[in-house]
Amino acid sequence: FVAKCFSILNKIDIKYYLVDHKLRKESSQEAKKVFLLLK
């Protein structure tokens, strides 16, 4: 969130990386949920 604020105020591109470790069966579903929330 604060990185997004920084990118807006400073007009720069920021990359966001989310790791899906697949150590738990729920991990991919959680990753997708976070992806959609941030979108």
PDB file of all heavy atoms in Angstrom:
ATOM      1  N   PHE A   1       0.821  -1.215   0.000  1.00  0.00           N
ATOM      2  CA  PHE A   1       0.000   0.000   0.000  1.00  0.00           C
ATOM      3  C   PHE A   1       0.857   1.267   0.000  1.00  0.00           C
ATOM      4  O   PHE A   1       0.642   2.166  -0.828  1.00  0.00           O
ATOM      5  CB  PHE A   1      -0.924   0.021   1.214  1.00  0.00           C
ATOM      6  CG  PHE A   1      -1.648   1.330   1.378  1.00  0.00           C
ATOM      7  CD1 PHE A   1      -2.728   1.634   0.578  1.00  0.00           C
ATOM      8  CD2 PHE A   1      -1.208   2.271   2.293  1.00  0.00           C
ATOM      9  CE1 PHE A   1      -3.379   2.858   0.690  1.00  0.00           C
ATOM     10  CE2 PHE A   1      -1.845   3.487   2.415  1.00  0.00           C
ATOM     11  CZ  PHE A   1      -2.938   3.785   1.615  1.00  0.00           C
ATOM     12  N   VAL A   2       1.818   1.366   0.917  1.00  0.00           N
ATOM     13  CA  VAL A   2       2.610   2.598   0.980  1.00  0.00           C
ATOM     14  C   VAL A   2       3.509   2.736  -0.241  1.00  0.00           C
ATOM     15  O   VAL A   2       3.821   3.854  -0.677  1.00  0.00           O
ATOM     16  CB  VAL A   2       3.427   2.695   2.291  1.00  0.00           C
ATOM     17  CG1 VAL A   2       2.510   2.819   3.493  1.00  0.00           C
ATOM     18  CG2 VAL A   2       4.370   1.511   2.463  1.00  0.00           C
ATOM     19  N   ALA A   3       3.919   1.594  -0.829  1.00  0.00           N
ATOM     20  CA  ALA A   3       4.696   1.646  -2.065  1.00  0.00           C
ATOM     21  C   ALA A   3       3.841   2.208  -3.196  1.00  0.00           C
ATOM     22  O   ALA A   3       4.321   2.974  -4.037  1.00  0.00           O
ATOM     23  CB  ALA A   3       5.213   0.258  -2.427  1.00  0.00           C
ATOM     24  N   LYS A   4       2.549   1.843  -3.206  1.00  0.00           N
ATOM     25  CA  LYS A   4       1.637   2.386  -4.216  1.00  0.00           C
ATOM     26  C   LYS A   4       1.492   3.895  -4.037  1.00  0.00           C
ATOM     27  O   LYS A   4       1.519   4.650  -5.021  1.00  0.00           O
ATOM     28  CB  LYS A   4       0.268   1.704  -4.103  1.00  0.00           C
ATOM     29  CG  LYS A   4      -0.742   2.177  -5.149  1.00  0.00           C
ATOM     30  CD  LYS A   4      -0.262   1.860  -6.552  1.00  0.00           C
ATOM     31  CE  LYS A   4      -1.235   2.343  -7.609  1.00  0.00           C
ATOM     32  NZ  LYS A   4      -0.757   2.067  -8.984  1.00  0.00           N
ATOM     33  N   CYS A   5       1.373   4.334  -2.800  1.00  0.00           N
ATOM     34  CA  CYS A   5       1.313   5.778  -2.535  1.00  0.00           C
ATOM     35  C   CYS A   5       2.569   6.467  -3.053  1.00  0.00           C
ATOM     36  O   CYS A   5       2.508   7.531  -3.683  1.00  0.00           O
ATOM     37  CB  CYS A   5       1.168   6.045  -1.031  1.00  0.00           C
ATOM     38  SG  CYS A   5      -0.403   5.498  -0.328  1.00  0.00           S
ATOM     39  N   PHE A   6       3.707   5.861  -2.791  1.00  0.00           N
ATOM     40  CA  PHE A   6       4.986   6.422  -3.226  1.00  0.00           C
ATOM     41  C   PHE A   6       5.048   6.513  -4.749  1.00  0.00           C
ATOM     42  O   PHE A   6       5.514   7.505  -5.312  1.00  0.00           O
ATOM     43  CB  PHE A   6       6.139   5.562  -2.696  1.00  0.00           C
ATOM     44  CG  PHE A   6       7.500   6.133  -2.950  1.00  0.00           C
ATOM     45  CD1 PHE A   6       8.073   7.031  -2.063  1.00  0.00           C
ATOM     46  CD2 PHE A   6       8.222   5.752  -4.071  1.00  0.00           C
ATOM     47  CE1 PHE A   6       9.335   7.556  -2.298  1.00  0.00           C
ATOM     48  CE2 PHE A   6       9.488   6.273  -4.323  1.00  0.00           C
ATOM     49  CZ  PHE A   6      10.040   7.177  -3.425  1.00  0.00           C
ATOM     50  N   SER A   7       4.557   5.475  -5.430  1.00  0.00           N
ATOM     51  CA  SER A   7       4.607   5.466  -6.895  1.00  0.00           C
ATOM     52  C   SER A   7       3.695   6.536  -7.497  1.00  0.00           C
ATOM     53  O   SER A   7       4.035   7.150  -8.512  1.00  0.00           O
ATOM     54  CB  SER A   7       4.214   4.087  -7.427  1.00  0.00           C
ATOM     55  OG  SER A   7       2.834   3.831  -7.238  1.00  0.00           O
ATOM     56  N   ILE A   8       2.541   6.757  -6.856  1.00  0.00           N
ATOM     57  CA  ILE A   8       1.608   7.783  -7.340  1.00  0.00           C
ATOM     58  C   ILE A   8       2.207   9.176  -7.160  1.00  0.00           C
ATOM     59  O   ILE A   8       2.208  10.005  -8.082  1.00  0.00           O
ATOM     60  CB  ILE A   8       0.255   7.697  -6.602  1.00  0.00           C
ATOM     61  CG1 ILE A   8      -0.440   6.366  -6.911  1.00  0.00           C
ATOM     62  CG2 ILE A   8      -0.651   8.868  -6.980  1.00  0.00           C
ATOM     63  CD1 ILE A   8      -1.656   6.093  -6.047  1.00  0.00           C
ATOM     64  N   LEU A   9       2.723   9.429  -5.963  1.00  0.00           N
ATOM     65  CA  LEU A   9       3.246  10.758  -5.643  1.00  0.00           C
ATOM     66  C   LEU A   9       4.527  11.088  -6.395  1.00  0.00           C
ATOM     67  O   LEU A   9       4.811  12.262  -6.658  1.00  0.00           O
ATOM     68  CB  LEU A   9       3.483  10.871  -4.134  1.00  0.00           C
ATOM     69  CG  LEU A   9       2.222  10.824  -3.262  1.00  0.00           C
ATOM     70  CD1 LEU A   9       2.596  10.754  -1.789  1.00  0.00           C
ATOM     71  CD2 LEU A   9       1.348  12.042  -3.528  1.00  0.00           C
ATOM     72  N   ASN A  10       5.302  10.062  -6.737  1.00  0.00           N
ATOM     73  CA  ASN A  10       6.579  10.293  -7.410  1.00  0.00           C
ATOM     74  C   ASN A  10       6.573   9.893  -8.879  1.00  0.00           C
ATOM     75  O   ASN A  10       7.599  10.005  -9.554  1.00  0.00           O
ATOM     76  CB  ASN A  10       7.697   9.540  -6.682  1.00  0.00           C
ATOM     77  CG  ASN A  10       7.951  10.088  -5.301  1.00  0.00           C
ATOM     78  OD1 ASN A  10       8.684  11.058  -5.116  1.00  0.00           O
ATOM     79  ND2 ASN A  10       7.339   9.471  -4.292  1.00  0.00           N
ATOM     80  N   LYS A  11       5.411   9.399  -9.330  1.00  0.00           N
ATOM     81  CA  LYS A  11       5.233   9.050 -10.744  1.00  0.00           C
ATOM     82  C   LYS A  11       6.316   8.079 -11.234  1.00  0.00           C
ATOM     83  O   LYS A  11       6.985   8.312 -12.246  1.00  0.00           O
ATOM     84  CB  LYS A  11       5.216  10.312 -11.609  1.00  0.00           C
ATOM     85  CG  LYS A  11       4.027  11.222 -11.347  1.00  0.00           C
ATOM     86  CD  LYS A  11       4.051  12.442 -12.263  1.00  0.00           C
ATOM     87  CE  LYS A  11       2.790  13.278 -12.125  1.00  0.00           C
ATOM     88  NZ  LYS A  11       2.547  13.760 -10.759  1.00  0.00           N
ATOM     89  N   ILE A  12       6.508   6.994 -10.497  1.00  0.00           N
ATOM     90  CA  ILE A  12       7.459   5.975 -10.906  1.00  0.00           C
ATOM     91  C   ILE A  12       6.767   4.611 -10.950  1.00  0.00           C
ATOM     92  O   ILE A  12       5.747   4.398 -10.302  1.00  0.00           O
ATOM     93  CB  ILE A  12       8.686   5.898  -9.960  1.00  0.00           C
ATOM     94  CG1 ILE A  12       8.246   5.478  -8.554  1.00  0.00           C
ATOM     95  CG2 ILE A  12       9.429   7.206  -9.924  1.00  0.00           C
ATOM     96  CD1 ILE A  12       9.411   5.138  -7.652  1.00  0.00           C
ATOM     97  N   ASP A  13       7.364   3.723 -11.712  1.00  0.00           N
ATOM     98  CA  ASP A  13       6.818   2.372 -11.854  1.00  0.00           C
ATOM     99  C   ASP A  13       7.416   1.462 -10.786  1.00  0.00           C
ATOM    100  O   ASP A  13       8.641   1.451 -10.586  1.00  0.00           O
ATOM    101  CB  ASP A  13       7.153   1.828 -13.249  1.00  0.00           C
ATOM    102  CG  ASP A  13       6.667   0.406 -13.435  1.00  0.00           C
ATOM    103  OD1 ASP A  13       5.528   0.113 -13.036  1.00  0.00           O
ATOM    104  OD2 ASP A  13       7.439  -0.403 -13.980  1.00  0.00           O
ATOM    105  N   ILE A  14       6.578   0.725 -10.093  1.00  0.00           N
ATOM    106  CA  ILE A  14       7.020  -0.213  -9.069  1.00  0.00           C
ATOM    107  C   ILE A  14       6.489  -1.598  -9.412  1.00  0.00           C
ATOM    108  O   ILE A  14       5.326  -1.742  -9.811  1.00  0.00           O
ATOM    109  CB  ILE A  14       6.532   0.208  -7.663  1.00  0.00           C
ATOM    110  CG1 ILE A  14       7.177   1.532  -7.258  1.00  0.00           C
ATOM    111  CG2 ILE A  14       6.850  -0.864  -6.629  1.00  0.00           C
ATOM    112  CD1 ILE A  14       6.647   2.092  -5.949  1.00  0.00           C
ATOM    113  N   LYS A  15       7.324  -2.599  -9.257  1.00  0.00           N
ATOM    114  CA  LYS A  15       6.921  -3.976  -9.512  1.00  0.00           C
ATOM    115  C   LYS A  15       6.514  -4.637  -8.199  1.00  0.00           C
ATOM    116  O   LYS A  15       7.095  -4.370  -7.148  1.00  0.00           O
ATOM    117  CB  LYS A  15       8.065  -4.767 -10.147  1.00  0.00           C
ATOM    118  CG  LYS A  15       8.540  -4.217 -11.490  1.00  0.00           C
ATOM    119  CD  LYS A  15       7.469  -4.346 -12.558  1.00  0.00           C
ATOM    120  CE  LYS A  15       8.001  -3.885 -13.912  1.00  0.00           C
ATOM    121  NZ  LYS A  15       6.974  -3.959 -14.973  1.00  0.00           N
ATOM    122  N   TYR A  16       5.538  -5.517  -8.284  1.00  0.00           N
ATOM    123  CA  TYR A  16       5.055  -6.252  -7.109  1.00  0.00           C
ATOM    124  C   TYR A  16       5.111  -7.741  -7.423  1.00  0.00           C
ATOM    125  O   TYR A  16       4.525  -8.190  -8.409  1.00  0.00           O
ATOM    126  CB  TYR A  16       3.624  -5.842  -6.767  1.00  0.00           C
ATOM    127  CG  TYR A  16       3.459  -4.369  -6.482  1.00  0.00           C
ATOM    128  CD1 TYR A  16       3.273  -3.461  -7.519  1.00  0.00           C
ATOM    129  CD2 TYR A  16       3.474  -3.889  -5.171  1.00  0.00           C
ATOM    130  CE1 TYR A  16       3.126  -2.103  -7.265  1.00  0.00           C
ATOM    131  CE2 TYR A  16       3.322  -2.535  -4.908  1.00  0.00           C
ATOM    132  CZ  TYR A  16       3.151  -1.653  -5.959  1.00  0.00           C
ATOM    133  OH  TYR A  16       3.002  -0.311  -5.706  1.00  0.00           O
ATOM    134  N   TYR A  17       5.812  -8.506  -6.574  1.00  0.00           N
ATOM    135  CA  TYR A  17       5.974  -9.935  -6.790  1.00  0.00           C
ATOM    136  C   TYR A  17       5.380 -10.707  -5.619  1.00  0.00           C
ATOM    137  O   TYR A  17       5.713 -10.447  -4.459  1.00  0.00           O
ATOM    138  CB  TYR A  17       7.450 -10.311  -6.918  1.00  0.00           C
ATOM    139  CG  TYR A  17       8.216  -9.537  -7.971  1.00  0.00           C
ATOM    140  CD1 TYR A  17       9.517  -9.096  -7.716  1.00  0.00           C
ATOM    141  CD2 TYR A  17       7.665  -9.245  -9.210  1.00  0.00           C
ATOM    142  CE1 TYR A  17      10.237  -8.401  -8.659  1.00  0.00           C
ATOM    143  CE2 TYR A  17       8.374  -8.546 -10.172  1.00  0.00           C
ATOM    144  CZ  TYR A  17       9.666  -8.124  -9.889  1.00  0.00           C
ATOM    145  OH  TYR A  17      10.372  -7.423 -10.831  1.00  0.00           O
ATOM    146  N   LEU A  18       4.523 -11.659  -5.932  1.00  0.00           N
ATOM    147  CA  LEU A  18       3.891 -12.501  -4.916  1.00  0.00           C
ATOM    148  C   LEU A  18       4.310 -13.950  -5.141  1.00  0.00           C
ATOM    149  O   LEU A  18       4.086 -14.503  -6.218  1.00  0.00           O
ATOM    150  CB  LEU A  18       2.368 -12.370  -5.007  1.00  0.00           C
ATOM    151  CG  LEU A  18       1.525 -13.296  -4.133  1.00  0.00           C
ATOM    152  CD1 LEU A  18       1.801 -13.033  -2.657  1.00  0.00           C
ATOM    153  CD2 LEU A  18       0.047 -13.102  -4.428  1.00  0.00           C
ATOM    154  N   VAL A  19       4.945 -14.565  -4.155  1.00  0.00           N
ATOM    155  CA  VAL A  19       5.426 -15.939  -4.283  1.00  0.00           C
ATOM    156  C   VAL A  19       4.358 -16.927  -3.806  1.00  0.00           C
ATOM    157  O   VAL A  19       3.864 -16.826  -2.687  1.00  0.00           O
ATOM    158  CB  VAL A  19       6.727 -16.150  -3.481  1.00  0.00           C
ATOM    159  CG1 VAL A  19       7.122 -17.627  -3.485  1.00  0.00           C
ATOM    160  CG2 VAL A  19       7.853 -15.302  -4.056  1.00  0.00           C
ATOM    161  N   ASP A  20       4.025 -17.851  -4.683  1.00  0.00           N
ATOM    162  CA  ASP A  20       3.140 -18.970  -4.329  1.00  0.00           C
ATOM    163  C   ASP A  20       4.036 -20.189  -4.114  1.00  0.00           C
ATOM    164  O   ASP A  20       4.495 -20.820  -5.067  1.00  0.00           O
ATOM    165  CB  ASP A  20       2.137 -19.228  -5.459  1.00  0.00           C
ATOM    166  CG  ASP A  20       1.247 -20.438  -5.186  1.00  0.00           C
ATOM    167  OD1 ASP A  20       1.298 -20.965  -4.054  1.00  0.00           O
ATOM    168  OD2 ASP A  20       0.532 -20.855  -6.110  1.00  0.00           O
ATOM    169  N   HIS A  21       4.280 -20.529  -2.843  1.00  0.00           N
ATOM    170  CA  HIS A  21       5.222 -21.601  -2.530  1.00  0.00           C
ATOM    171  C   HIS A  21       4.638 -22.998  -2.707  1.00  0.00           C
ATOM    172  O   HIS A  21       5.368 -23.983  -2.800  1.00  0.00           O
ATOM    173  CB  HIS A  21       5.718 -21.453  -1.090  1.00  0.00           C
ATOM    174  CG  HIS A  21       4.617 -21.268  -0.093  1.00  0.00           C
ATOM    175  ND1 HIS A  21       3.712 -22.258   0.206  1.00  0.00           N
ATOM    176  CD2 HIS A  21       4.274 -20.190   0.660  1.00  0.00           C
ATOM    177  CE1 HIS A  21       2.864 -21.822   1.110  1.00  0.00           C
ATOM    178  NE2 HIS A  21       3.169 -20.561   1.409  1.00  0.00           N
ATOM    179  N   LYS A  22       3.325 -23.105  -2.740  1.00  0.00           N
ATOM    180  CA  LYS A  22       2.623 -24.387  -2.905  1.00  0.00           C
ATOM    181  C   LYS A  22       2.997 -25.417  -1.834  1.00  0.00           C
ATOM    182  O   LYS A  22       2.964 -26.627  -2.083  1.00  0.00           O
ATOM    183  CB  LYS A  22       2.884 -24.969  -4.307  1.00  0.00           C
ATOM    184  CG  LYS A  22       2.153 -24.214  -5.419  1.00  0.00           C
ATOM    185  CD  LYS A  22       2.242 -24.936  -6.728  1.00  0.00           C
ATOM    186  CE  LYS A  22       1.435 -24.234  -7.804  1.00  0.00           C
ATOM    187  NZ  LYS A  22      -0.021 -24.305  -7.561  1.00  0.00           N
ATOM    188  N   LEU A  23       3.351 -24.935  -0.652  1.00  0.00           N
ATOM    189  CA  LEU A  23       3.624 -25.850   0.460  1.00  0.00           C
ATOM    190  C   LEU A  23       2.334 -26.269   1.149  1.00  0.00           C
ATOM    191  O   LEU A  23       2.303 -27.260   1.867  1.00  0.00           O
ATOM    192  CB  LEU A  23       4.564 -25.167   1.469  1.00  0.00           C
ATOM    193  CG  LEU A  23       6.010 -24.983   1.003  1.00  0.00           C
ATOM    194  CD1 LEU A  23       6.772 -24.125   1.997  1.00  0.00           C
ATOM    195  CD2 LEU A  23       6.700 -26.327   0.833  1.00  0.00           C
ATOM    196  N   ARG A  24       1.291 -25.469   0.963  1.00  0.00           N
ATOM    197  CA  ARG A  24      -0.044 -25.808   1.481  1.00  0.00           C
ATOM    198  C   ARG A  24      -1.026 -25.804   0.323  1.00  0.00           C
ATOM    199  O   ARG A  24      -0.870 -25.022  -0.624  1.00  0.00           O
ATOM    200  CB  ARG A  24      -0.492 -24.782   2.540  1.00  0.00           C
ATOM    201  CG  ARG A  24       0.317 -24.814   3.822  1.00  0.00           C
ATOM    202  CD  ARG A  24      -0.188 -23.795   4.824  1.00  0.00           C
ATOM    203  NE  ARG A  24       0.098 -22.410   4.439  1.00  0.00           N
ATOM    204  CZ  ARG A  24      -0.793 -21.549   3.981  1.00  0.00           C
ATOM    205  NH1 ARG A  24      -2.062 -21.906   3.827  1.00  0.00           N
ATOM    206  NH2 ARG A  24      -0.435 -20.313   3.670  1.00  0.00           N
ATOM    207  N   LYS A  25      -2.044 -26.634   0.390  1.00  0.00           N
ATOM    208  CA  LYS A  25      -2.995 -26.734  -0.709  1.00  0.00           C
ATOM    209  C   LYS A  25      -3.762 -25.434  -0.922  1.00  0.00           C
ATOM    210  O   LYS A  25      -4.293 -25.181  -2.002  1.00  0.00           O
ATOM    211  CB  LYS A  25      -3.964 -27.897  -0.477  1.00  0.00           C
ATOM    212  CG  LYS A  25      -4.818 -27.772   0.787  1.00  0.00           C
ATOM    213  CD  LYS A  25      -5.722 -28.985   0.952  1.00  0.00           C
ATOM    214  CE  LYS A  25      -6.602 -28.875   2.199  1.00  0.00           C
ATOM    215  NZ  LYS A  25      -7.482 -30.053   2.363  1.00  0.00           N
ATOM    216  N   GLU A  26      -3.814 -24.598   0.143  1.00  0.00           N
ATOM    217  CA  GLU A  26      -4.550 -23.339   0.029  1.00  0.00           C
ATOM    218  C   GLU A  26      -3.714 -22.211  -0.583  1.00  0.00           C
ATOM    219  O   GLU A  26      -4.236 -21.133  -0.862  1.00  0.00           O
ATOM    220  CB  GLU A  26      -5.033 -22.872   1.411  1.00  0.00           C
ATOM    221  CG  GLU A  26      -5.857 -23.891   2.183  1.00  0.00           C
ATOM    222  CD  GLU A  26      -5.013 -24.791   3.044  1.00  0.00           C
ATOM    223  OE1 GLU A  26      -3.754 -24.678   2.977  1.00  0.00           O
ATOM    224  OE2 GLU A  26      -5.587 -25.613   3.774  1.00  0.00           O
ATOM    225  N   SER A  27      -2.412 -22.427  -0.769  1.00  0.00           N
ATOM    226  CA  SER A  27      -1.521 -21.318  -1.122  1.00  0.00           C
ATOM    227  C   SER A  27      -1.879 -20.650  -2.451  1.00  0.00           C
ATOM    228  O   SER A  27      -1.855 -19.422  -2.570  1.00  0.00           O
ATOM    229  CB  SER A  27      -0.066 -21.788  -1.151  1.00  0.00           C
ATOM    230  OG  SER A  27       0.162 -22.677  -2.234  1.00  0.00           O
ATOM    231  N   SER A  28      -2.233 -21.440  -3.466  1.00  0.00           N
ATOM    232  CA  SER A  28      -2.573 -20.864  -4.774  1.00  0.00           C
ATOM    233  C   SER A  28      -3.858 -20.048  -4.707  1.00  0.00           C
ATOM    234  O   SER A  28      -3.979 -18.984  -5.320  1.00  0.00           O
ATOM    235  CB  SER A  28      -2.703 -21.968  -5.821  1.00  0.00           C
ATOM    236  OG  SER A  28      -1.472 -22.611  -6.022  1.00  0.00           O
ATOM    237  N   GLN A  29      -4.816 -20.538  -3.932  1.00  0.00           N
ATOM    238  CA  GLN A  29      -6.074 -19.818  -3.761  1.00  0.00           C
ATOM    239  C   GLN A  29      -5.837 -18.502  -3.018  1.00  0.00           C
ATOM    240  O   GLN A  29      -6.414 -17.465  -3.367  1.00  0.00           O
ATOM    241  CB  GLN A  29      -7.070 -20.691  -2.991  1.00  0.00           C
ATOM    242  CG  GLN A  29      -8.467 -20.089  -2.884  1.00  0.00           C
ATOM    243  CD  GLN A  29      -9.438 -21.013  -2.167  1.00  0.00           C
ATOM    244  OE1 GLN A  29      -9.072 -22.113  -1.756  1.00  0.00           O
ATOM    245  NE2 GLN A  29     -10.679 -20.576  -2.012  1.00  0.00           N
ATOM    246  N   GLU A  30      -4.973 -18.544  -1.998  1.00  0.00           N
ATOM    247  CA  GLU A  30      -4.637 -17.329  -1.254  1.00  0.00           C
ATOM    248  C   GLU A  30      -3.921 -16.328  -2.147  1.00  0.00           C
ATOM    249  O   GLU A  30      -4.191 -15.124  -2.087  1.00  0.00           O
ATOM    250  CB  GLU A  30      -3.765 -17.686  -0.048  1.00  0.00           C
ATOM    251  CG  GLU A  30      -4.523 -18.432   1.045  1.00  0.00           C
ATOM    252  CD  GLU A  30      -3.606 -18.965   2.131  1.00  0.00           C
ATOM    253  OE1 GLU A  30      -2.368 -18.860   1.969  1.00  0.00           O
ATOM    254  OE2 GLU A  30      -4.121 -19.498   3.133  1.00  0.00           O
ATOM    255  N   ALA A  31      -3.004 -16.820  -2.978  1.00  0.00           N
ATOM    256  CA  ALA A  31      -2.259 -15.939  -3.882  1.00  0.00           C
ATOM    257  C   ALA A  31      -3.209 -15.238  -4.858  1.00  0.00           C
ATOM    258  O   ALA A  31      -3.085 -14.031  -5.111  1.00  0.00           O
ATOM    259  CB  ALA A  31      -1.213 -16.744  -4.648  1.00  0.00           C
ATOM    260  N   LYS A  32      -4.174 -15.984  -5.381  1.00  0.00           N
ATOM    261  CA  LYS A  32      -5.153 -15.403  -6.308  1.00  0.00           C
ATOM    262  C   LYS A  32      -6.026 -14.364  -5.600  1.00  0.00           C
ATOM    263  O   LYS A  32      -6.342 -13.308  -6.173  1.00  0.00           O
ATOM    264  CB  LYS A  32      -6.029 -16.507  -6.903  1.00  0.00           C
ATOM    265  CG  LYS A  32      -6.976 -16.008  -7.988  1.00  0.00           C
ATOM    266  CD  LYS A  32      -7.738 -17.155  -8.629  1.00  0.00           C
ATOM    267  CE  LYS A  32      -8.665 -16.635  -9.733  1.00  0.00           C
ATOM    268  NZ  LYS A  32      -9.432 -17.748 -10.373  1.00  0.00           N
ATOM    269  N   LYS A  33      -6.386 -14.646  -4.351  1.00  0.00           N
ATOM    270  CA  LYS A  33      -7.221 -13.719  -3.580  1.00  0.00           C
ATOM    271  C   LYS A  33      -6.479 -12.406  -3.341  1.00  0.00           C
ATOM    272  O   LYS A  33      -7.050 -11.312  -3.477  1.00  0.00           O
ATOM    273  CB  LYS A  33      -7.614 -14.351  -2.251  1.00  0.00           C
ATOM    274  CG  LYS A  33      -8.669 -13.568  -1.477  1.00  0.00           C
ATOM    275  CD  LYS A  33      -9.166 -14.353  -0.273  1.00  0.00           C
ATOM    276  CE  LYS A  33     -10.267 -13.595   0.458  1.00  0.00           C
ATOM    277  NZ  LYS A  33     -10.800 -14.368   1.610  1.00  0.00           N
ATOM    278  N   VAL A  34      -5.193 -12.512  -2.984  1.00  0.00           N
ATOM    279  CA  VAL A  34      -4.372 -11.309  -2.780  1.00  0.00           C
ATOM    280  C   VAL A  34      -4.211 -10.548  -4.092  1.00  0.00           C
ATOM    281  O   VAL A  34      -4.308  -9.310  -4.129  1.00  0.00           O
ATOM    282  CB  VAL A  34      -2.990 -11.691  -2.203  1.00  0.00           C
ATOM    283  CG1 VAL A  34      -2.063 -10.473  -2.174  1.00  0.00           C
ATOM    284  CG2 VAL A  34      -3.136 -12.273  -0.807  1.00  0.00           C
ATOM    285  N   PHE A  35      -3.996 -11.289  -5.179  1.00  0.00           N
ATOM    286  CA  PHE A  35      -3.854 -10.682  -6.503  1.00  0.00           C
ATOM    287  C   PHE A  35      -5.078  -9.845  -6.857  1.00  0.00           C
ATOM    288  O   PHE A  35      -4.969  -8.692  -7.307  1.00  0.00           O
ATOM    289  CB  PHE A  35      -3.642 -11.790  -7.544  1.00  0.00           C
ATOM    290  CG  PHE A  35      -3.619 -11.316  -8.965  1.00  0.00           C
ATOM    291  CD1 PHE A  35      -2.433 -10.908  -9.554  1.00  0.00           C
ATOM    292  CD2 PHE A  35      -4.788 -11.267  -9.716  1.00  0.00           C
ATOM    293  CE1 PHE A  35      -2.415 -10.460 -10.876  1.00  0.00           C
ATOM    294  CE2 PHE A  35      -4.782 -10.823 -11.027  1.00  0.00           C
ATOM    295  CZ  PHE A  35      -3.586 -10.422 -11.611  1.00  0.00           C
ATOM    296  N   LEU A  36      -6.273 -10.407  -6.662  1.00  0.00           N
ATOM    297  CA  LEU A  36      -7.521  -9.712  -7.006  1.00  0.00           C
ATOM    298  C   LEU A  36      -7.782  -8.540  -6.066  1.00  0.00           C
ATOM    299  O   LEU A  36      -8.297  -7.495  -6.490  1.00  0.00           O
ATOM    300  CB  LEU A  36      -8.691 -10.696  -6.963  1.00  0.00           C
ATOM    301  CG  LEU A  36      -8.650 -11.809  -8.025  1.00  0.00           C
ATOM    302  CD1 LEU A  36      -9.778 -12.808  -7.787  1.00  0.00           C
ATOM    303  CD2 LEU A  36      -8.743 -11.215  -9.431  1.00  0.00           C
ATOM    304  N   LEU A  37      -7.435  -8.700  -4.803  1.00  0.00           N
ATOM    305  CA  LEU A  37      -7.609  -7.614  -3.834  1.00  0.00           C
ATOM    306  C   LEU A  37      -6.758  -6.415  -4.208  1.00  0.00           C
ATOM    307  O   LEU A  37      -7.242  -5.269  -4.232  1.00  0.00           O
ATOM    308  CB  LEU A  37      -7.233  -8.105  -2.430  1.00  0.00           C
ATOM    309  CG  LEU A  37      -7.230  -7.043  -1.320  1.00  0.00           C
ATOM    310  CD1 LEU A  37      -8.663  -6.625  -0.996  1.00  0.00           C
ATOM    311  CD2 LEU A  37      -6.538  -7.576  -0.073  1.00  0.00           C
ATOM    312  N   LEU A  38      -5.502  -6.652  -4.520  1.00  0.00           N
ATOM    313  CA  LEU A  38      -4.595  -5.557  -4.863  1.00  0.00           C
ATOM    314  C   LEU A  38      -4.982  -4.886  -6.180  1.00  0.00           C
ATOM    315  O   LEU A  38      -4.758  -3.693  -6.370  1.00  0.00           O
ATOM    316  CB  LEU A  38      -3.154  -6.078  -4.932  1.00  0.00           C
ATOM    317  CG  LEU A  38      -2.551  -6.553  -3.604  1.00  0.00           C
ATOM    318  CD1 LEU A  38      -1.158  -7.116  -3.824  1.00  0.00           C
ATOM    319  CD2 LEU A  38      -2.503  -5.420  -2.590  1.00  0.00           C
ATOM    320  N   LYS A  39      -5.553  -5.669  -7.068  1.00  0.00           N
ATOM    321  CA  LYS A  39      -5.974  -5.128  -8.362  1.00  0.00           C
ATOM    322  C   LYS A  39      -6.994  -4.010  -8.184  1.00  0.00           C
ATOM    323  O   LYS A  39      -7.042  -3.053  -8.974  1.00  0.00           O
ATOM    324  CB  LYS A  39      -6.546  -6.250  -9.223  1.00  0.00           C
ATOM    325  CG  LYS A  39      -6.765  -5.871 -10.677  1.00  0.00           C
ATOM    326  CD  LYS A  39      -7.221  -7.081 -11.489  1.00  0.00           C
ATOM    327  CE  LYS A  39      -7.434  -6.696 -12.946  1.00  0.00           C
ATOM    328  NZ  LYS A  39      -7.899  -7.880 -13.745  1.00  0.00           N
TER     329      LYS A  39
END
